[in-house]
Amino acid sequence: MALPQPGIFAVGTTAHGYVELDLTPDADVASVVTVLADLAERETTMGATNLVVGVRPELWADVRAGSLPEGLTGFTADLVGPDGFTIPATQHDAALWFAAGSYDVVFDAVLDALRRLRGLVTPASELRGWAYHRDRDLTGFEDGSENPTLASAPSYALVPDGSPGAGGSVLLLQQWVHDPAWLELTDAEQEAAIGRTKAGSIELDPRPESSHVARTDQDDTGHILRRNTAYGTATAHGTVFVGFASSRAPLHVMLERMAGIDGPRDGLTRFATPLTGAYYWVPASDDLVAFATPDED
């Protein structure tokens, strides 16, 4: 059985660091993947950090053809809704997601990773994420209410055994900035945009067709695992969207529905704006560690 990168399912962490990277013009892809594999292999069951390594699908295909879902690509074009609302494509070459119990540990891990990758990559973006009231986002609502249980999450997030890329996952990584106008709405207005009650997280009946719950209903889009966090300061903040799926399709259908491409635009997008968007292939642990530097005995 193919084993996934364990950080995908490592819940309970409160401090997070997200780094997206671009290869330098002369960098050898295999050399970069070796450093990424060494970083992943370094984390042990006694370590203080969890790490998820993602690679642009086209680059992974260059170094290990046939070990990812057929036709998987990066986020190659903006998604533009009928009214001009745009979900931008800002694809980079690799992504690292560190998670731990405190940010000092995350900071040290990011710093060390960038040191090891020096000369091979250029940092394109970096975000510090943090847990907000355990399971809420900065809208004040429970986040990931449709998330699967830990027991069933692998069946949604991972490519099944027997398929190309078994044990791997498709990661959608985005930064969404929140509009301060959200805080001026009444609870009832916020609930209409979300489609659930703020207290108790009970789905509205009937739910507004343009509500976030209706537009991202996983019975319609396909199932995913969300590992979102908050980021920013009191004056500029939002959500780091971290979504895993066994294929690109449910993630992309979700974005299309939010943009209103096949129906009403998601009400939440009136108060949250996507700044970035990229798909990364998160290879199974065995596939990634196969590139690691051999131990010196």
Protein backbone atom coordinates (compact mmCIF):
# COMPACT_ATOMS: atom_id res chain seq x y z
CA MET A 1 0.00 0.00 0.00
CA ALA A 2 1.35 3.44 -0.94
CA LEU A 3 1.91 5.67 2.08
CA PRO A 4 0.96 9.36 1.91
CA GLN A 5 2.95 12.24 3.29
CA PRO A 6 1.80 12.19 6.94
CA GLY A 7 1.61 15.97 7.27
CA ILE A 8 -1.57 15.97 5.18
CA PHE A 9 -3.47 14.47 8.11
CA ALA A 10 -1.48 15.90 11.05
CA VAL A 11 -4.25 17.80 12.81
CA GLY A 12 -3.99 19.81 16.01
CA THR A 13 -1.12 22.08 15.02
CA THR A 14 -1.58 25.81 15.64
CA ALA A 15 1.36 27.41 13.81
CA HIS A 16 1.93 27.14 10.06
CA GLY A 17 4.33 28.37 7.42
CA TYR A 18 3.68 28.24 3.66
CA VAL A 19 6.44 28.90 1.16
CA GLU A 20 6.08 28.81 -2.63
CA LEU A 21 9.23 28.52 -4.70
CA ASP A 22 10.39 29.01 -8.27
CA LEU A 23 13.36 27.17 -9.72
CA THR A 24 16.29 29.32 -10.75
CA PRO A 25 16.95 29.33 -14.52
CA ASP A 26 19.87 26.88 -14.34
CA ALA A 27 18.48 24.60 -11.64
CA ASP A 28 18.24 20.89 -12.29
CA VAL A 29 14.77 19.62 -11.39
CA ALA A 30 16.05 16.31 -10.00
CA SER A 31 18.51 18.15 -7.75
CA VAL A 32 15.70 20.29 -6.33
CA VAL A 33 13.52 17.24 -5.71
CA THR A 34 16.43 15.57 -3.90
CA VAL A 35 16.66 18.48 -1.46
CA LEU A 36 12.89 18.42 -0.99
CA ALA A 37 13.05 14.68 -0.34
CA ASP A 38 15.86 15.16 2.17
CA LEU A 39 13.74 17.75 4.00
CA ALA A 40 10.78 15.37 4.11
CA GLU A 41 12.90 12.40 5.24
CA ARG A 42 14.48 14.46 8.02
CA GLU A 43 11.17 14.82 9.86
CA THR A 44 10.75 11.88 12.26
CA THR A 45 8.04 10.67 14.60
CA MET A 46 9.93 12.45 17.40
CA GLY A 47 10.27 15.71 15.47
CA ALA A 48 8.61 18.99 16.29
CA THR A 49 7.34 19.85 12.80
CA ASN A 50 5.16 18.32 10.12
CA LEU A 51 6.04 18.95 6.50
CA VAL A 52 4.08 18.58 3.28
CA VAL A 53 6.04 18.89 0.03
CA GLY A 54 4.28 19.81 -3.21
CA VAL A 55 5.73 20.04 -6.72
CA ARG A 56 4.25 21.58 -9.85
CA PRO A 57 2.75 18.59 -11.69
CA GLU A 58 4.62 19.26 -14.92
CA LEU A 59 7.95 19.22 -13.09
CA TRP A 60 7.19 16.02 -11.22
CA ALA A 61 6.30 14.37 -14.54
CA ASP A 62 9.78 15.28 -15.76
CA VAL A 63 11.51 13.37 -12.97
CA ARG A 64 9.09 10.49 -12.32
CA ALA A 65 6.82 9.98 -15.32
CA GLY A 66 3.73 7.87 -14.76
CA SER A 67 3.60 8.47 -11.01
CA LEU A 68 0.81 11.07 -10.93
CA PRO A 69 -2.75 11.16 -12.30
CA GLU A 70 -2.91 11.38 -16.06
CA GLY A 71 -3.50 14.89 -17.39
CA LEU A 72 -2.83 16.65 -14.08
CA THR A 73 -1.55 20.20 -14.63
CA GLY A 74 -0.83 23.27 -12.60
CA PHE A 75 -3.14 26.27 -12.30
CA THR A 76 -2.46 27.54 -15.80
CA ALA A 77 -5.18 30.14 -16.44
CA ASP A 78 -7.30 32.57 -14.44
CA LEU A 79 -10.90 31.59 -13.74
CA VAL A 80 -13.15 34.51 -14.72
CA GLY A 81 -16.84 34.60 -13.86
CA PRO A 82 -19.57 36.20 -15.99
CA ASP A 83 -19.39 39.43 -13.95
CA GLY A 84 -15.59 39.62 -14.16
CA PHE A 85 -14.84 38.15 -10.73
CA THR A 86 -11.43 36.53 -11.14
CA ILE A 87 -9.69 33.68 -9.36
CA PRO A 88 -6.07 34.22 -10.40
CA ALA A 89 -3.62 31.55 -11.49
CA THR A 90 -0.28 32.21 -9.80
CA GLN A 91 1.41 28.85 -10.27
CA HIS A 92 4.90 28.30 -8.86
CA ASP A 93 7.25 25.33 -9.03
CA ALA A 94 7.14 23.96 -5.49
CA ALA A 95 5.42 24.51 -2.17
CA LEU A 96 6.36 23.67 1.41
CA TRP A 97 3.86 23.60 4.27
CA PHE A 98 5.35 23.39 7.75
CA ALA A 99 3.10 22.94 10.79
CA ALA A 100 3.98 22.79 14.48
CA GLY A 101 2.79 23.70 17.94
CA SER A 102 4.54 27.08 17.97
CA TYR A 103 5.79 29.49 15.33
CA ASP A 104 9.42 29.56 16.48
CA VAL A 105 9.74 25.94 15.38
CA VAL A 106 8.09 26.71 12.03
CA PHE A 107 10.33 29.74 11.54
CA ASP A 108 13.47 27.68 12.09
CA ALA A 109 12.25 24.96 9.71
CA VAL A 110 11.46 27.44 6.93
CA LEU A 111 14.81 29.17 7.41
CA ASP A 112 16.67 25.86 7.21
CA ALA A 113 14.75 24.77 4.11
CA LEU A 114 15.57 27.98 2.29
CA ARG A 115 19.22 27.60 3.27
CA ARG A 116 19.33 24.05 1.87
CA LEU A 117 17.64 25.16 -1.35
CA ARG A 118 19.80 28.27 -1.85
CA GLY A 119 20.93 28.63 -5.44
CA LEU A 120 18.32 26.19 -6.70
CA VAL A 121 15.13 28.15 -6.02
CA THR A 122 13.86 31.67 -5.43
CA PRO A 123 11.21 32.23 -2.75
CA ALA A 124 8.07 33.51 -4.50
CA SER A 125 5.75 33.90 -1.50
CA GLU A 126 5.65 33.20 2.21
CA LEU A 127 2.68 33.21 4.58
CA ARG A 128 2.41 32.65 8.30
CA GLY A 129 -0.78 30.81 9.23
CA TRP A 130 -2.37 30.24 12.62
CA ALA A 131 -5.39 28.51 14.12
CA TYR A 132 -8.31 30.77 15.01
CA HIS A 133 -10.53 29.58 17.89
CA ARG A 134 -9.63 25.98 17.07
CA ASP A 135 -11.95 25.35 14.10
CA ARG A 136 -13.14 28.74 12.84
CA ASP A 137 -11.93 31.09 10.14
CA LEU A 138 -11.82 34.86 10.36
CA THR A 139 -15.43 35.19 9.19
CA GLY A 140 -16.31 33.83 12.64
CA PHE A 141 -17.90 30.68 11.21
CA GLU A 142 -16.80 27.08 11.64
CA ASP A 143 -14.44 26.15 8.82
CA GLY A 144 -14.47 22.82 7.04
CA SER A 145 -17.88 21.73 8.34
CA GLU A 146 -18.08 19.20 5.49
CA ASN A 147 -14.63 17.78 6.18
CA PRO A 148 -14.51 13.99 6.39
CA THR A 149 -13.61 12.13 9.56
CA LEU A 150 -9.96 11.21 10.01
CA ALA A 151 -10.87 7.61 9.20
CA SER A 152 -12.46 8.49 5.85
CA ALA A 153 -10.22 11.44 4.89
CA PRO A 154 -7.67 9.31 2.98
CA SER A 155 -10.37 8.06 0.60
CA TYR A 156 -11.14 11.68 -0.37
CA ALA A 157 -7.63 13.14 -0.33
CA LEU A 158 -5.48 10.37 -1.81
CA VAL A 159 -5.16 8.66 -5.15
CA PRO A 160 -6.27 5.06 -4.52
CA ASP A 161 -3.98 2.06 -4.71
CA GLY A 162 -3.65 0.63 -8.19
CA SER A 163 -3.88 4.02 -9.89
CA PRO A 164 -0.99 6.17 -11.19
CA GLY A 165 0.27 8.27 -8.30
CA ALA A 166 -1.24 6.02 -5.62
CA GLY A 167 -0.87 7.54 -2.17
CA GLY A 168 -0.34 11.01 -3.60
CA SER A 169 -2.68 13.98 -3.47
CA VAL A 170 -3.54 17.12 -5.42
CA LEU A 171 -3.10 20.28 -3.35
CA LEU A 172 -4.86 23.58 -4.07
CA LEU A 173 -3.09 26.39 -2.24
CA GLN A 174 -4.62 29.89 -2.19
CA GLN A 175 -4.50 33.16 -0.27
CA TRP A 176 -7.86 34.88 0.23
CA VAL A 177 -7.98 38.38 1.73
CA HIS A 178 -11.07 39.39 3.70
CA ASP A 179 -12.94 42.68 3.23
CA PRO A 180 -13.39 44.62 6.52
CA ALA A 181 -16.96 45.35 5.37
CA TRP A 182 -17.79 41.79 6.49
CA LEU A 183 -17.57 42.90 10.10
CA GLU A 184 -20.23 45.57 9.49
CA LEU A 185 -22.85 42.98 8.50
CA THR A 186 -25.44 41.68 10.94
CA ASP A 187 -25.27 38.03 11.96
CA ALA A 188 -28.31 37.34 9.76
CA GLU A 189 -26.60 38.92 6.72
CA GLN A 190 -23.44 36.93 7.35
CA GLU A 191 -25.45 33.72 7.77
CA ALA A 192 -27.21 34.34 4.44
CA ALA A 193 -23.83 34.67 2.69
CA ILE A 194 -22.43 31.54 4.34
CA GLY A 195 -25.59 29.41 4.38
CA ARG A 196 -25.17 28.27 7.99
CA THR A 197 -25.87 29.70 11.42
CA LYS A 198 -22.97 31.32 13.22
CA ALA A 199 -23.88 29.60 16.47
CA GLY A 200 -24.11 25.85 16.11
CA SER A 201 -23.14 25.79 12.41
CA ILE A 202 -26.60 24.57 11.37
CA GLU A 203 -27.36 24.71 7.66
CA LEU A 204 -30.12 27.17 6.77
CA ASP A 205 -33.38 25.70 5.51
CA PRO A 206 -33.96 26.76 2.85
CA ARG A 207 -30.39 27.73 2.09
CA PRO A 208 -29.82 30.68 -0.26
CA GLU A 209 -28.75 29.49 -3.73
CA SER A 210 -25.84 31.94 -3.74
CA SER A 211 -24.61 30.97 -0.26
CA HIS A 212 -21.14 29.56 0.23
CA VAL A 213 -22.61 26.29 1.50
CA ALA A 214 -24.73 25.87 -1.61
CA ARG A 215 -22.01 26.77 -4.09
CA THR A 216 -19.40 24.49 -2.47
CA ASP A 217 -21.67 21.57 -1.59
CA GLN A 218 -19.37 18.56 -1.92
CA ASP A 219 -22.24 16.37 -3.07
CA ASP A 220 -22.15 18.57 -6.19
CA THR A 221 -18.44 19.36 -6.52
CA GLY A 222 -16.87 16.12 -5.28
CA HIS A 223 -15.22 15.50 -1.93
CA ILE A 224 -12.06 17.15 -0.65
CA LEU A 225 -10.12 17.55 2.60
CA ARG A 226 -9.69 21.14 3.80
CA ARG A 227 -6.84 22.18 6.12
CA ASN A 228 -7.34 25.97 6.08
CA THR A 229 -5.76 28.44 8.48
CA ALA A 230 -6.01 32.15 9.20
CA TYR A 231 -3.25 34.60 8.34
CA GLY A 232 -2.42 38.27 8.76
CA THR A 233 -3.03 41.08 11.20
CA ALA A 234 -6.08 42.92 12.51
CA THR A 235 -5.83 45.41 9.63
CA ALA A 236 -5.07 42.96 6.80
CA HIS A 237 -6.04 39.32 7.15
CA GLY A 238 -7.75 36.37 5.53
CA THR A 239 -7.68 32.65 4.88
CA VAL A 240 -5.00 30.33 3.58
CA PHE A 241 -7.02 27.76 1.65
CA VAL A 242 -5.36 24.34 1.79
CA GLY A 243 -7.40 21.73 -0.04
CA PHE A 244 -6.44 18.14 -0.84
CA ALA A 245 -8.20 15.79 -3.26
CA SER A 246 -7.57 12.60 -5.17
CA SER A 247 -7.84 14.55 -8.43
CA ARG A 248 -7.87 18.14 -9.64
CA ALA A 249 -11.54 17.97 -10.69
CA PRO A 250 -13.40 18.57 -7.39
CA LEU A 251 -11.12 21.46 -6.48
CA HIS A 252 -11.50 23.16 -9.84
CA VAL A 253 -15.26 22.59 -10.01
CA MET A 254 -15.53 24.21 -6.57
CA LEU A 255 -13.68 27.30 -7.79
CA GLU A 256 -15.79 27.51 -10.95
CA ARG A 257 -18.98 27.38 -8.90
CA MET A 258 -17.68 30.03 -6.50
CA ALA A 259 -16.94 32.32 -9.46
CA GLY A 260 -20.47 31.84 -10.78
CA ILE A 261 -19.43 30.14 -14.01
CA ASP A 262 -22.36 27.71 -13.90
CA GLY A 263 -24.81 29.52 -11.64
CA PRO A 264 -24.99 32.28 -9.02
CA ARG A 265 -21.71 33.63 -7.72
CA ASP A 266 -20.78 32.54 -4.19
CA GLY A 267 -21.99 35.17 -1.71
CA LEU A 268 -18.79 34.87 0.30
CA THR A 269 -16.77 36.15 -2.67
CA ARG A 270 -18.43 39.56 -2.16
CA PHE A 271 -16.32 39.83 1.00
CA ALA A 272 -13.25 37.64 0.25
CA THR A 273 -10.90 38.03 -2.70
CA PRO A 274 -8.44 35.40 -3.94
CA LEU A 275 -4.93 36.74 -4.43
CA THR A 276 -3.23 33.51 -5.46
CA GLY A 277 -3.99 30.06 -6.83
CA ALA A 278 -1.76 27.07 -7.55
CA TYR A 279 -2.05 23.29 -7.85
CA TYR A 280 0.74 21.09 -6.54
CA TRP A 281 1.30 17.37 -6.72
CA VAL A 282 1.99 15.95 -3.27
CA PRO A 283 3.65 12.61 -4.07
CA ALA A 284 3.38 9.59 -1.82
CA SER A 285 6.15 9.36 0.76
CA ASP A 286 7.81 6.42 -1.00
CA ASP A 287 7.83 8.23 -4.35
CA LEU A 288 9.35 11.35 -2.81
CA VAL A 289 11.90 9.68 -0.52
CA ALA A 290 13.18 7.63 -3.46
CA PHE A 291 15.01 10.83 -4.47
CA ALA A 292 16.60 11.40 -1.05
CA THR A 293 20.36 11.38 -0.59
CA PRO A 294 21.47 7.85 0.40
CA ASP A 295 22.56 7.40 4.00
CA GLU A 296 26.30 7.15 4.56
CA ASP A 297 26.94 3.92 6.48
